Amino acid sequence: MDGTRFFYADAVARQVMQNQLVAHGSTLDDVFAVAQRANLALAAILRAFIDVRDQ
């Protein structure tokens, strides 16, 4: 029972998220694309911070 309840809870959360995305004309791929751009921006900021800190 412990192993399956998390599976069903995750499935419900995923379905709710998917429904909200579709309702707003977006997809999960759109979310991943935004997350990827945010990660790239943060990486550049961290790289610049490390470079300045090390000088």
PDB file of N, CA and C in Angstrom:
ATOM      1  N   MET A   1       0.823  -1.202   0.000  1.00  0.00           N
ATOM      2  CA  MET A   1       0.000   0.000   0.000  1.00  0.00           C
ATOM      3  C   MET A   1       0.865   1.264   0.000  1.00  0.00           C
ATOM      4  N   ASP A   2       1.937   1.270   0.760  1.00  0.00           N
ATOM      5  CA  ASP A   2       2.796   2.454   0.803  1.00  0.00           C
ATOM      6  C   ASP A   2       3.391   2.762  -0.566  1.00  0.00           C
ATOM      7  N   GLY A   3       3.770   1.735  -1.303  1.00  0.00           N
ATOM      8  CA  GLY A   3       4.371   1.934  -2.616  1.00  0.00           C
ATOM      9  C   GLY A   3       3.403   2.471  -3.650  1.00  0.00           C
ATOM     10  N   THR A   4       2.128   2.105  -3.536  1.00  0.00           N
ATOM     11  CA  THR A   4       1.162   2.527  -4.558  1.00  0.00           C
ATOM     12  C   THR A   4       0.528   3.877  -4.249  1.00  0.00           C
ATOM     13  N   ARG A   5       0.436   4.249  -2.990  1.00  0.00           N
ATOM     14  CA  ARG A   5      -0.242   5.520  -2.694  1.00  0.00           C
ATOM     15  C   ARG A   5       0.526   6.696  -3.271  1.00  0.00           C
ATOM     16  N   PHE A   6       1.860   6.643  -3.251  1.00  0.00           N
ATOM     17  CA  PHE A   6       2.644   7.729  -3.831  1.00  0.00           C
ATOM     18  C   PHE A   6       2.486   7.751  -5.343  1.00  0.00           C
ATOM     19  N   PHE A   7       2.397   6.593  -5.945  1.00  0.00           N
ATOM     20  CA  PHE A   7       2.181   6.520  -7.388  1.00  0.00           C
ATOM     21  C   PHE A   7       0.879   7.213  -7.753  1.00  0.00           C
ATOM     22  N   TYR A   8      -0.198   6.912  -7.031  1.00  0.00           N
ATOM     23  CA  TYR A   8      -1.494   7.511  -7.344  1.00  0.00           C
ATOM     24  C   TYR A   8      -1.524   8.992  -7.007  1.00  0.00           C
ATOM     25  N   ALA A   9      -0.870   9.379  -5.917  1.00  0.00           N
ATOM     26  CA  ALA A   9      -0.806  10.801  -5.565  1.00  0.00           C
ATOM     27  C   ALA A   9      -0.040  11.567  -6.640  1.00  0.00           C
ATOM     28  N   ASP A  10       1.066  11.008  -7.106  1.00  0.00           N
ATOM     29  CA  ASP A  10       1.832  11.658  -8.172  1.00  0.00           C
ATOM     30  C   ASP A  10       1.025  11.731  -9.458  1.00  0.00           C
ATOM     31  N   ALA A  11       0.296  10.681  -9.762  1.00  0.00           N
ATOM     32  CA  ALA A  11      -0.512  10.655 -10.987  1.00  0.00           C
ATOM     33  C   ALA A  11      -1.598  11.732 -10.933  1.00  0.00           C
ATOM     34  N   VAL A  12      -2.213  11.904  -9.788  1.00  0.00           N
ATOM     35  CA  VAL A  12      -3.252  12.927  -9.641  1.00  0.00           C
ATOM     36  C   VAL A  12      -2.642  14.322  -9.777  1.00  0.00           C
ATOM     37  N   ALA A  13      -1.516  14.555  -9.112  1.00  0.00           N
ATOM     38  CA  ALA A  13      -0.856  15.867  -9.196  1.00  0.00           C
ATOM     39  C   ALA A  13      -0.443  16.166 -10.636  1.00  0.00           C
ATOM     40  N   ARG A  14       0.077  15.166 -11.320  1.00  0.00           N
ATOM     41  CA  ARG A  14       0.486  15.360 -12.712  1.00  0.00           C
ATOM     42  C   ARG A  14      -0.719  15.674 -13.593  1.00  0.00           C
ATOM     43  N   GLN A  15      -1.816  14.987 -13.378  1.00  0.00           N
ATOM     44  CA  GLN A  15      -3.016  15.225 -14.185  1.00  0.00           C
ATOM     45  C   GLN A  15      -3.586  16.615 -13.939  1.00  0.00           C
ATOM     46  N   VAL A  16      -3.584  17.052 -12.691  1.00  0.00           N
ATOM     47  CA  VAL A  16      -4.070  18.406 -12.374  1.00  0.00           C
ATOM     48  C   VAL A  16      -3.193  19.439 -13.068  1.00  0.00           C
ATOM     49  N   MET A  17      -1.882  19.254 -12.994  1.00  0.00           N
ATOM     50  CA  MET A  17      -0.965  20.177 -13.651  1.00  0.00           C
ATOM     51  C   MET A  17      -1.185  20.178 -15.159  1.00  0.00           C
ATOM     52  N   GLN A  18      -1.317  19.002 -15.732  1.00  0.00           N
ATOM     53  CA  GLN A  18      -1.554  18.891 -17.176  1.00  0.00           C
ATOM     54  C   GLN A  18      -2.846  19.597 -17.571  1.00  0.00           C
ATOM     55  N   ASN A  19      -3.895  19.412 -16.797  1.00  0.00           N
ATOM     56  CA  ASN A  19      -5.178  20.067 -17.087  1.00  0.00           C
ATOM     57  C   ASN A  19      -5.048  21.586 -17.034  1.00  0.00           C
ATOM     58  N   GLN A  20      -4.315  22.101 -16.045  1.00  0.00           N
ATOM     59  CA  GLN A  20      -4.111  23.545 -15.928  1.00  0.00           C
ATOM     60  C   GLN A  20      -3.299  24.091 -17.105  1.00  0.00           C
ATOM     61  N   LEU A  21      -2.284  23.350 -17.510  1.00  0.00           N
ATOM     62  CA  LEU A  21      -1.476  23.776 -18.647  1.00  0.00           C
ATOM     63  C   LEU A  21      -2.318  23.840 -19.920  1.00  0.00           C
ATOM     64  N   VAL A  22      -3.099  22.795 -20.150  1.00  0.00           N
ATOM     65  CA  VAL A  22      -3.949  22.753 -21.346  1.00  0.00           C
ATOM     66  C   VAL A  22      -4.973  23.881 -21.302  1.00  0.00           C
ATOM     67  N   ALA A  23      -5.532  24.150 -20.127  1.00  0.00           N
ATOM     68  CA  ALA A  23      -6.522  25.217 -19.989  1.00  0.00           C
ATOM     69  C   ALA A  23      -5.929  26.582 -20.323  1.00  0.00           C
ATOM     70  N   HIS A  24      -4.632  26.731 -20.148  1.00  0.00           N
ATOM     71  CA  HIS A  24      -3.969  28.003 -20.427  1.00  0.00           C
ATOM     72  C   HIS A  24      -3.190  27.974 -21.740  1.00  0.00           C
ATOM     73  N   GLY A  25      -3.404  26.940 -22.532  1.00  0.00           N
ATOM     74  CA  GLY A  25      -2.775  26.870 -23.848  1.00  0.00           C
ATOM     75  C   GLY A  25      -1.295  26.552 -23.819  1.00  0.00           C
ATOM     76  N   SER A  26      -0.852  25.864 -22.790  1.00  0.00           N
ATOM     77  CA  SER A  26       0.560  25.509 -22.660  1.00  0.00           C
ATOM     78  C   SER A  26       0.722  24.000 -22.576  1.00  0.00           C
ATOM     79  N   THR A  27       1.976  23.578 -22.657  1.00  0.00           N
ATOM     80  CA  THR A  27       2.281  22.154 -22.521  1.00  0.00           C
ATOM     81  C   THR A  27       3.404  21.987 -21.505  1.00  0.00           C
ATOM     82  N   LEU A  28       3.634  20.762 -21.123  1.00  0.00           N
ATOM     83  CA  LEU A  28       4.728  20.466 -20.207  1.00  0.00           C
ATOM     84  C   LEU A  28       6.065  20.805 -20.867  1.00  0.00           C
ATOM     85  N   ASP A  29       6.145  20.636 -22.172  1.00  0.00           N
ATOM     86  CA  ASP A  29       7.365  21.016 -22.892  1.00  0.00           C
ATOM     87  C   ASP A  29       7.627  22.517 -22.775  1.00  0.00           C
ATOM     88  N   ASP A  30       6.565  23.326 -22.767  1.00  0.00           N
ATOM     89  CA  ASP A  30       6.723  24.773 -22.574  1.00  0.00           C
ATOM     90  C   ASP A  30       7.330  25.068 -21.202  1.00  0.00           C
ATOM     91  N   VAL A  31       6.859  24.369 -20.188  1.00  0.00           N
ATOM     92  CA  VAL A  31       7.379  24.553 -18.826  1.00  0.00           C
ATOM     93  C   VAL A  31       8.853  24.162 -18.784  1.00  0.00           C
ATOM     94  N   PHE A  32       9.193  23.043 -19.405  1.00  0.00           N
ATOM     95  CA  PHE A  32      10.588  22.607 -19.424  1.00  0.00           C
ATOM     96  C   PHE A  32      11.471  23.601 -20.172  1.00  0.00           C
ATOM     97  N   ALA A  33      10.965  24.191 -21.232  1.00  0.00           N
ATOM     98  CA  ALA A  33      11.738  25.176 -21.992  1.00  0.00           C
ATOM     99  C   ALA A  33      12.028  26.410 -21.136  1.00  0.00           C
ATOM    100  N   VAL A  34      11.044  26.867 -20.396  1.00  0.00           N
ATOM    101  CA  VAL A  34      11.247  28.016 -19.500  1.00  0.00           C
ATOM    102  C   VAL A  34      12.248  27.651 -18.411  1.00  0.00           C
ATOM    103  N   ALA A  35      12.114  26.466 -17.843  1.00  0.00           N
ATOM    104  CA  ALA A  35      13.037  26.023 -16.794  1.00  0.00           C
ATOM    105  C   ALA A  35      14.463  25.933 -17.335  1.00  0.00           C
ATOM    106  N   GLN A  36      14.614  25.463 -18.554  1.00  0.00           N
ATOM    107  CA  GLN A  36      15.949  25.364 -19.149  1.00  0.00           C
ATOM    108  C   GLN A  36      16.562  26.744 -19.343  1.00  0.00           C
ATOM    109  N   ARG A  37      15.770  27.705 -19.820  1.00  0.00           N
ATOM    110  CA  ARG A  37      16.283  29.067 -19.993  1.00  0.00           C
ATOM    111  C   ARG A  37      16.652  29.684 -18.643  1.00  0.00           C
ATOM    112  N   ALA A  38      15.840  29.427 -17.632  1.00  0.00           N
ATOM    113  CA  ALA A  38      16.147  29.944 -16.286  1.00  0.00           C
ATOM    114  C   ALA A  38      17.437  29.329 -15.764  1.00  0.00           C
ATOM    115  N   ASN A  39      17.622  28.041 -15.973  1.00  0.00           N
ATOM    116  CA  ASN A  39      18.857  27.381 -15.530  1.00  0.00           C
ATOM    117  C   ASN A  39      20.078  27.957 -16.227  1.00  0.00           C
ATOM    118  N   LEU A  40      19.971  28.220 -17.520  1.00  0.00           N
ATOM    119  CA  LEU A  40      21.092  28.805 -18.258  1.00  0.00           C
ATOM    120  C   LEU A  40      21.418  30.207 -17.744  1.00  0.00           C
ATOM    121  N   ALA A  41      20.384  30.978 -17.454  1.00  0.00           N
ATOM    122  CA  ALA A  41      20.599  32.328 -16.924  1.00  0.00           C
ATOM    123  C   ALA A  41      21.256  32.267 -15.545  1.00  0.00           C
ATOM    124  N   LEU A  42      20.780  31.380 -14.693  1.00  0.00           N
ATOM    125  CA  LEU A  42      21.380  31.239 -13.362  1.00  0.00           C
ATOM    126  C   LEU A  42      22.819  30.756 -13.441  1.00  0.00           C
ATOM    127  N   ALA A  43      23.094  29.860 -14.364  1.00  0.00           N
ATOM    128  CA  ALA A  43      24.463  29.365 -14.527  1.00  0.00           C
ATOM    129  C   ALA A  43      25.396  30.508 -14.914  1.00  0.00           C
ATOM    130  N   ALA A  44      24.955  31.387 -15.796  1.00  0.00           N
ATOM    131  CA  ALA A  44      25.778  32.525 -16.209  1.00  0.00           C
ATOM    132  C   ALA A  44      26.018  33.469 -15.036  1.00  0.00           C
ATOM    133  N   ILE A  45      24.994  33.703 -14.241  1.00  0.00           N
ATOM    134  CA  ILE A  45      25.139  34.578 -13.066  1.00  0.00           C
ATOM    135  C   ILE A  45      26.116  33.967 -12.066  1.00  0.00           C
ATOM    136  N   LEU A  46      25.975  32.689 -11.806  1.00  0.00           N
ATOM    137  CA  LEU A  46      26.883  32.022 -10.867  1.00  0.00           C
ATOM    138  C   LEU A  46      28.320  32.017 -11.388  1.00  0.00           C
ATOM    139  N   ARG A  47      28.478  31.781 -12.681  1.00  0.00           N
ATOM    140  CA  ARG A  47      29.814  31.788 -13.279  1.00  0.00           C
ATOM    141  C   ARG A  47      30.460  33.161 -13.109  1.00  0.00           C
ATOM    142  N   ALA A  48      29.700  34.226 -13.370  1.00  0.00           N
ATOM    143  CA  ALA A  48      30.219  35.591 -13.213  1.00  0.00           C
ATOM    144  C   ALA A  48      30.536  35.889 -11.755  1.00  0.00           C
ATOM    145  N   PHE A  49      29.712  35.454 -10.830  1.00  0.00           N
ATOM    146  CA  PHE A  49      29.965  35.662  -9.419  1.00  0.00           C
ATOM    147  C   PHE A  49      31.256  34.976  -8.989  1.00  0.00           C
ATOM    148  N   ILE A  50      31.442  33.743  -9.425  1.00  0.00           N
ATOM    149  CA  ILE A  50      32.655  32.992  -9.063  1.00  0.00           C
ATOM    150  C   ILE A  50      33.889  33.673  -9.650  1.00  0.00           C
ATOM    151  N   ASP A  51      33.775  34.130 -10.884  1.00  0.00           N
ATOM    152  CA  ASP A  51      34.913  34.816 -11.526  1.00  0.00           C
ATOM    153  C   ASP A  51      35.289  36.089 -10.761  1.00  0.00           C
ATOM    154  N   VAL A  52      34.296  36.883 -10.382  1.00  0.00           N
ATOM    155  CA  VAL A  52      34.557  38.125  -9.655  1.00  0.00           C
ATOM    156  C   VAL A  52      35.087  37.828  -8.263  1.00  0.00           C
ATOM    157  N   ARG A  53      34.542  36.847  -7.629  1.00  0.00           N
ATOM    158  CA  ARG A  53      34.964  36.475  -6.262  1.00  0.00           C
ATOM    159  C   ARG A  53      36.421  36.014  -6.242  1.00  0.00           C
ATOM    160  N   ASP A  54      36.832  35.308  -7.278  1.00  0.00           N
ATOM    161  CA  ASP A  54      38.181  34.752  -7.318  1.00  0.00           C
ATOM    162  C   ASP A  54      39.243  35.785  -7.703  1.00  0.00           C
ATOM    163  N   GLN A  55      38.845  36.966  -8.135  1.00  0.00           N
ATOM    164  CA  GLN A  55      39.832  37.972  -8.559  1.00  0.00           C
ATOM    165  C   GLN A  55      40.450  38.668  -7.381  1.00  0.00           C
TER     166      GLN A  55
END
